[in-house]
Protein backbone atom coordinates (compact mmCIF):
# COMPACT_ATOMS: atom_id res chain seq x y z
CA MET A 1 3.73 -40.81 -10.60
CA ILE A 2 1.36 -39.06 -12.62
CA VAL A 3 1.94 -35.11 -12.75
CA VAL A 4 -0.50 -32.68 -14.57
CA ALA A 5 1.23 -29.69 -15.99
CA ASP A 6 0.56 -25.83 -16.10
CA THR A 7 1.71 -23.66 -19.22
CA SER A 8 4.59 -21.92 -17.39
CA PRO A 9 7.14 -24.54 -16.21
CA VAL A 10 6.81 -26.39 -19.27
CA LEU A 11 7.15 -23.29 -21.51
CA HIS A 12 10.08 -21.67 -19.66
CA LEU A 13 12.26 -24.92 -19.49
CA ALA A 14 11.23 -25.68 -23.43
CA ARG A 15 12.81 -21.83 -24.12
CA ILE A 16 16.21 -22.58 -22.63
CA GLY A 17 16.14 -26.17 -23.95
CA ARG A 18 15.57 -27.86 -20.52
CA LEU A 19 12.46 -29.24 -21.30
CA GLU A 20 13.91 -33.22 -20.89
CA LEU A 21 14.13 -32.30 -17.03
CA ILE A 22 10.62 -32.49 -16.36
CA PRO A 23 9.91 -36.27 -16.98
CA VAL A 24 13.27 -36.94 -15.01
CA VAL A 25 11.37 -35.86 -11.91
CA ALA A 26 7.61 -36.13 -13.11
CA GLY A 27 7.63 -39.45 -14.38
CA ARG A 28 4.12 -39.37 -16.58
CA VAL A 29 3.24 -35.89 -17.38
CA VAL A 30 -0.34 -34.83 -18.84
CA VAL A 31 -1.34 -31.65 -20.06
CA PRO A 32 -5.05 -30.37 -20.65
CA ARG A 33 -5.68 -29.11 -24.12
CA THR A 34 -6.22 -25.73 -22.82
CA VAL A 35 -2.57 -25.75 -21.58
CA TRP A 36 -1.57 -27.23 -24.77
CA SER A 37 -2.71 -24.22 -27.00
CA GLU A 38 -1.05 -21.64 -24.67
CA LEU A 39 1.99 -23.63 -25.14
CA VAL A 40 2.15 -23.81 -28.80
CA HIS A 41 0.08 -20.46 -29.89
CA PRO A 42 1.29 -18.55 -33.02
CA GLY A 43 3.40 -16.33 -30.95
CA THR A 44 5.67 -19.29 -29.55
CA ARG A 45 9.13 -19.30 -31.06
CA THR A 46 9.12 -21.92 -33.70
CA GLU A 47 11.91 -24.14 -31.80
CA VAL A 48 9.91 -24.32 -28.74
CA VAL A 49 7.31 -25.42 -30.43
CA GLU A 50 9.21 -28.07 -32.35
CA ALA A 51 10.49 -29.11 -28.99
CA LEU A 52 7.14 -29.75 -27.56
CA HIS A 53 5.62 -31.75 -30.32
CA ALA A 54 9.07 -33.87 -30.26
CA ALA A 55 8.79 -34.46 -26.52
CA ARG A 56 6.66 -37.71 -26.82
CA TRP A 57 6.33 -38.20 -22.94
CA ILE A 58 3.73 -35.04 -22.95
CA GLU A 59 0.43 -36.91 -22.63
CA LEU A 60 -2.42 -34.39 -23.86
CA ALA A 61 -6.07 -34.74 -21.91
CA GLU A 62 -9.10 -33.49 -22.73
CA ASP A 63 -9.91 -30.36 -20.29
CA PRO A 64 -12.59 -31.27 -17.61
CA GLN A 65 -15.73 -29.73 -17.05
CA LEU A 66 -14.49 -26.16 -16.30
CA GLN A 67 -15.31 -24.24 -13.31
CA ASP A 68 -14.66 -20.63 -12.38
CA LEU A 69 -11.45 -20.95 -9.86
CA GLY A 70 -10.81 -17.11 -10.32
CA LEU A 71 -7.77 -18.11 -12.46
CA ASP A 72 -6.67 -17.96 -15.96
CA PRO A 73 -7.91 -20.81 -18.34
CA GLY A 74 -4.86 -22.82 -18.44
CA GLU A 75 -4.39 -22.92 -14.51
CA THR A 76 -8.06 -23.71 -14.11
CA ALA A 77 -8.02 -26.79 -16.58
CA ALA A 78 -4.58 -28.10 -14.84
CA ILE A 79 -5.94 -27.81 -11.45
CA LEU A 80 -9.22 -29.57 -12.42
CA LEU A 81 -7.70 -32.21 -14.62
CA ALA A 82 -5.22 -32.89 -11.72
CA GLU A 83 -8.34 -33.33 -9.00
CA SER A 84 -9.93 -35.48 -11.50
CA MET A 85 -7.29 -37.64 -12.34
CA ASP A 86 -6.15 -37.85 -8.77
CA ALA A 87 -2.74 -36.75 -9.66
CA ASP A 88 0.25 -37.08 -7.50
CA ALA A 89 1.32 -33.47 -8.50
CA LEU A 90 0.62 -30.30 -10.20
CA LEU A 91 3.54 -28.93 -11.83
CA ILE A 92 2.56 -24.86 -11.68
CA ASP A 93 4.66 -21.94 -10.83
CA GLU A 94 1.92 -19.13 -10.30
CA ARG A 95 1.45 -18.29 -6.77
CA ARG A 96 -2.54 -17.63 -6.74
CA GLY A 97 -2.74 -21.28 -8.68
CA ARG A 98 -0.70 -23.30 -6.25
CA ALA A 99 -2.68 -21.66 -3.30
CA VAL A 100 -5.91 -23.10 -5.01
CA ALA A 101 -4.50 -26.29 -5.90
CA THR A 102 -2.84 -26.67 -2.27
CA ALA A 103 -6.38 -25.53 -0.77
CA ARG A 104 -8.03 -28.40 -2.96
CA GLY A 105 -5.82 -31.01 -1.54
CA ILE A 106 -3.49 -31.12 -4.65
CA ALA A 107 0.28 -31.38 -4.16
CA VAL A 108 2.05 -28.61 -6.12
CA ILE A 109 5.85 -28.63 -7.71
CA GLY A 110 7.12 -25.66 -9.77
CA THR A 111 9.98 -24.92 -11.73
CA LEU A 112 12.68 -24.81 -8.95
CA GLY A 113 11.13 -28.40 -7.61
CA ILE A 114 11.89 -29.88 -11.11
CA LEU A 115 15.79 -28.72 -10.85
CA ALA A 116 15.87 -29.85 -7.48
CA GLY A 117 14.66 -33.39 -8.24
CA ALA A 118 16.93 -33.52 -11.42
CA ARG A 119 20.01 -32.39 -9.22
CA ARG A 120 19.07 -35.29 -6.58
CA SER A 121 18.56 -37.73 -9.40
CA GLY A 122 21.86 -36.76 -11.01
CA ALA A 123 20.41 -35.45 -14.47
CA LEU A 124 21.66 -32.01 -13.85
CA ASP A 125 25.27 -31.32 -12.38
CA ARG A 126 24.43 -27.69 -11.18
CA ALA A 127 20.97 -25.87 -10.92
CA ALA A 128 22.64 -21.99 -10.58
CA PRO A 129 23.36 -22.12 -14.58
CA VAL A 130 19.69 -23.11 -15.39
CA ILE A 131 18.32 -20.62 -13.22
CA ALA A 132 20.65 -18.05 -14.49
CA GLU A 133 19.60 -19.20 -18.08
CA LEU A 134 15.70 -18.79 -16.85
CA ARG A 135 16.12 -15.37 -15.50
CA ALA A 136 17.85 -14.28 -18.44
CA ASP A 137 14.85 -15.60 -20.80
CA GLY A 138 12.64 -13.36 -18.72
CA PHE A 139 11.54 -16.03 -15.89
CA TRP A 140 11.01 -13.87 -12.54
CA LEU A 141 12.43 -15.61 -9.15
CA ASP A 142 12.97 -13.86 -5.92
CA ASP A 143 16.48 -13.26 -4.89
CA ALA A 144 15.59 -14.68 -1.86
CA LEU A 145 13.72 -17.73 -2.88
CA VAL A 146 17.04 -18.52 -5.17
CA ALA A 147 19.32 -18.04 -2.68
CA GLU A 148 17.24 -20.29 -0.29
CA PHE A 149 17.11 -23.15 -3.01
CA LEU A 150 20.92 -22.77 -3.85
CA GLN A 151 21.54 -23.47 -0.26
CA VAL A 152 19.23 -26.50 0.03
CA VAL A 153 20.75 -28.02 -2.80
CA GLY A 154 24.17 -27.30 -1.89
CA GLU A 155 25.14 -24.52 -4.42
CA ALA A 156 25.50 -21.52 -1.96
CA PRO A 157 27.96 -19.42 -2.84
């Protein structure tokens, strides 16, 4: 399975020390250079940059010829790379980016999809504590979405 990744899921999982969950679910993970630049920019915490550099499973790819998709440069590069590689999925959280990718025929998965897949594979015992860590780190998730997700993965209170 080939998955092209946008910044948000990779960054947020790296910030809470759960980066290793991505390849469990995604298999081959490809990141366009623009996304990599967003991940390791000077404002990123040192331990996060170190974790990203240590993640040998992340493959860097040159950005495709960019088009204006009305999105930020990282999302645009990720969508166009996924399209040009005929990737199995695009790892992206942002609603507008997901909508554009879906309209272009690209399957999408988000951070919660990674948690669900990791839970199914046995790499993650419980998703609820990871969601709490993500939220504590500033990752916004709608309460109704979290409740529905926890119901689906069998962790509803």
